[in-house]
N, C-alpha and C. Protein backbone atom coordinates (compact mmCIF):
# COMPACT_ATOMS: atom_id res chain seq x y z
N MET A 1 3.40 25.77 -5.41
CA MET A 1 2.84 25.18 -4.38
C MET A 1 1.40 24.19 -4.41
N LEU A 2 0.73 24.76 -5.42
CA LEU A 2 -0.53 24.37 -5.72
C LEU A 2 -0.58 22.82 -6.16
N ASP A 3 0.55 22.85 -7.42
CA ASP A 3 1.16 21.39 -7.86
C ASP A 3 1.45 20.48 -6.95
N ALA A 4 2.07 20.75 -5.85
CA ALA A 4 2.84 20.18 -5.19
C ALA A 4 1.36 19.38 -4.00
N ASP A 5 0.61 20.74 -3.48
CA ASP A 5 -0.11 20.18 -2.58
C ASP A 5 -1.48 19.31 -3.45
N GLY A 6 -1.86 19.71 -4.89
CA GLY A 6 -2.70 18.99 -5.35
C GLY A 6 -2.03 17.26 -5.43
N PHE A 7 -0.98 17.45 -5.62
CA PHE A 7 -0.38 15.93 -5.94
C PHE A 7 -0.53 15.37 -4.37
N ALA A 8 -0.14 16.12 -3.58
CA ALA A 8 -0.22 15.43 -1.92
C ALA A 8 -1.61 14.78 -1.61
N ALA A 9 -2.61 15.43 -2.74
CA ALA A 9 -4.30 14.89 -2.33
C ALA A 9 -3.94 13.27 -2.77
N PHE A 10 -3.30 13.11 -4.01
CA PHE A 10 -3.58 11.80 -4.54
C PHE A 10 -2.81 10.74 -3.72
N ALA A 11 -1.15 11.34 -3.24
CA ALA A 11 -0.43 10.65 -2.33
C ALA A 11 -0.93 10.31 -0.80
N GLU A 12 -1.82 11.02 -0.50
CA GLU A 12 -2.41 10.99 0.77
C GLU A 12 -3.68 9.86 0.29
N LYS A 13 -4.15 9.92 -0.64
CA LYS A 13 -5.36 9.07 -0.96
C LYS A 13 -4.92 7.56 -1.08
N GLY A 14 -3.41 7.76 -1.55
CA GLY A 14 -2.70 6.08 -1.65
C GLY A 14 -3.09 5.70 -2.82
N ASP A 15 -4.00 6.55 -4.04
CA ASP A 15 -4.01 6.14 -5.34
C ASP A 15 -3.59 7.12 -5.95
N LEU A 16 -2.42 7.18 -6.88
CA LEU A 16 -2.02 8.42 -7.79
C LEU A 16 -3.13 8.48 -8.82
N PHE A 17 -4.11 7.55 -9.02
CA PHE A 17 -5.00 7.75 -10.30
C PHE A 17 -6.47 7.69 -9.76
N ASP A 18 -6.36 8.21 -8.60
CA ASP A 18 -7.83 7.99 -7.98
C ASP A 18 -8.90 8.76 -8.90
N PRO A 19 -9.74 8.27 -9.38
CA PRO A 19 -10.80 8.70 -10.15
C PRO A 19 -11.84 9.42 -9.69
N GLU A 20 -11.94 9.52 -8.76
CA GLU A 20 -12.97 10.68 -7.74
C GLU A 20 -12.05 12.05 -7.81
N LEU A 21 -10.73 12.08 -7.30
CA LEU A 21 -10.04 13.13 -7.32
C LEU A 21 -9.60 13.52 -8.54
N ALA A 22 -9.52 12.74 -9.75
CA ALA A 22 -9.23 13.04 -10.56
C ALA A 22 -10.57 13.91 -11.33
N ARG A 23 -11.75 13.70 -11.27
CA ARG A 23 -12.74 14.01 -11.58
C ARG A 23 -12.95 15.81 -11.19
N ARG A 24 -12.38 15.68 -9.67
CA ARG A 24 -12.40 17.00 -8.87
C ARG A 24 -11.46 18.27 -9.72
N LEU A 25 -10.17 17.49 -10.01
CA LEU A 25 -9.06 18.07 -10.52
C LEU A 25 -9.38 18.64 -11.93
N LYS A 26 -10.16 17.76 -12.56
CA LYS A 26 -10.48 18.39 -13.86
C LYS A 26 -11.53 19.54 -14.03
N ALA A 27 -12.38 19.26 -12.98
CA ALA A 27 -13.00 20.39 -12.79
C ALA A 27 -12.19 21.87 -12.52
N ILE A 28 -11.08 22.07 -12.19
CA ILE A 28 -10.34 22.93 -12.05
C ILE A 28 -10.32 23.54 -13.46
N TYR A 29 -9.85 22.54 -14.30
CA TYR A 29 -9.35 22.82 -15.80
C TYR A 29 -10.66 23.30 -16.93
N SER A 30 -11.76 22.45 -16.52
CA SER A 30 -12.80 22.51 -17.43
C SER A 30 -13.53 24.24 -16.76
N ALA A 31 -13.43 24.53 -15.90
CA ALA A 31 -13.80 26.08 -15.66
C ALA A 31 -13.46 26.98 -16.38
N GLY A 32 -12.10 26.76 -16.58
CA GLY A 32 -11.58 28.06 -17.35
C GLY A 32 -11.38 28.85 -16.18
N ASP A 33 -11.49 30.20 -16.95
CA ASP A 33 -11.55 31.43 -16.16
C ASP A 33 -13.00 31.81 -15.89
N THR A 34 -13.84 31.02 -15.77
CA THR A 34 -15.27 31.14 -15.52
C THR A 34 -15.62 31.54 -13.86
N ARG A 35 -14.63 31.00 -13.43
CA ARG A 35 -14.74 30.95 -11.59
C ARG A 35 -13.65 31.24 -10.66
N ASP A 36 -13.60 31.96 -9.65
CA ASP A 36 -12.44 32.38 -9.11
C ASP A 36 -11.33 30.81 -8.71
N PRO A 37 -10.29 31.10 -9.32
CA PRO A 37 -9.52 29.56 -9.09
C PRO A 37 -9.22 29.04 -7.65
N MET A 38 -9.15 30.18 -6.61
CA MET A 38 -9.00 29.27 -5.41
C MET A 38 -10.29 28.76 -4.94
N GLU A 39 -11.33 29.32 -5.34
CA GLU A 39 -12.85 28.59 -5.20
C GLU A 39 -12.66 27.52 -5.65
N LEU A 40 -12.25 27.06 -6.62
CA LEU A 40 -12.19 26.23 -7.13
C LEU A 40 -11.15 24.75 -6.91
N TYR A 41 -10.06 25.86 -6.31
CA TYR A 41 -8.88 24.57 -5.63
C TYR A 41 -9.54 24.22 -4.04
N ARG A 42 -10.53 24.89 -3.67
CA ARG A 42 -10.97 24.43 -2.37
C ARG A 42 -11.60 23.40 -2.55
N GLU A 43 -12.74 23.53 -3.75
CA GLU A 43 -13.53 22.50 -4.11
C GLU A 43 -12.98 21.20 -4.20
N PHE A 44 -11.65 21.44 -4.92
CA PHE A 44 -11.10 20.23 -5.20
C PHE A 44 -10.15 19.52 -4.11
N ARG A 45 -9.84 20.25 -3.00
CA ARG A 45 -8.88 19.94 -2.09
C ARG A 45 -9.47 19.91 -0.63
N GLY A 46 -10.47 20.74 -0.51
CA GLY A 46 -11.50 21.00 0.68
C GLY A 46 -10.77 21.35 1.92
N ARG A 47 -9.96 22.24 1.09
CA ARG A 47 -9.13 23.49 1.94
C ARG A 47 -8.61 24.25 1.29
N ASP A 48 -8.06 25.50 1.90
CA ASP A 48 -6.78 25.96 1.26
C ASP A 48 -5.60 25.21 1.06
N PRO A 49 -4.52 25.83 -0.19
CA PRO A 49 -3.56 25.25 -0.47
C PRO A 49 -2.62 25.24 0.80
N GLU A 50 -1.86 24.27 1.13
CA GLU A 50 -0.59 24.79 2.15
C GLU A 50 0.53 24.61 1.52
N ILE A 51 1.91 25.13 2.00
CA ILE A 51 3.03 25.05 1.64
C ILE A 51 3.83 23.52 1.97
N GLY A 52 3.53 23.21 2.95
CA GLY A 52 4.12 21.84 3.33
C GLY A 52 4.72 21.06 2.18
N PRO A 53 3.49 20.22 1.88
CA PRO A 53 4.03 19.56 0.58
C PRO A 53 5.23 20.17 -0.50
N LEU A 54 5.00 21.35 -0.87
CA LEU A 54 6.14 21.74 -1.57
C LEU A 54 7.31 21.97 -0.84
N LEU A 55 7.50 22.25 0.36
CA LEU A 55 8.72 22.17 1.42
C LEU A 55 9.22 20.67 1.39
N ARG A 56 8.22 19.71 1.55
CA ARG A 56 8.85 18.25 1.74
C ARG A 56 9.30 17.84 0.19
N GLN A 57 8.93 18.01 -0.58
CA GLN A 57 8.95 17.91 -2.04
C GLN A 57 10.35 18.45 -2.42
N ARG A 58 10.84 19.51 -1.95
CA ARG A 58 12.21 20.08 -2.04
C ARG A 58 13.16 19.75 -1.30
N GLY A 59 12.87 18.82 -0.15
CA GLY A 59 13.94 18.74 0.80
C GLY A 59 13.92 19.38 1.69
N LEU A 60 13.25 20.51 1.98
CA LEU A 60 13.17 21.76 3.02
C LEU A 60 12.55 21.36 4.41
N ALA A 61 12.00 20.36 4.40
CA ALA A 61 10.72 19.62 5.60
C ALA A 61 10.83 18.39 5.61
N ALA A 62 10.61 17.73 6.70
CA ALA A 62 10.84 16.52 7.18
C ALA A 62 9.93 15.58 6.34
N ALA A 63 9.90 14.82 5.53
CA ALA A 63 8.73 13.82 5.16
C ALA A 63 7.65 13.44 6.14
């Protein structure tokens, strides 16, 4: 779910290589286990993860 929702952030931006989003995503990985993963994800995405992108990715919901 996190993977699909994170990828959706780039797709929504219209640039799969957006440097600002990439920097925020890198912050999740570079923090390692020093902070709460959900807190880091919220900082990256600006909200909690949603299931919609995963369902669309798997063809279980309308695009």
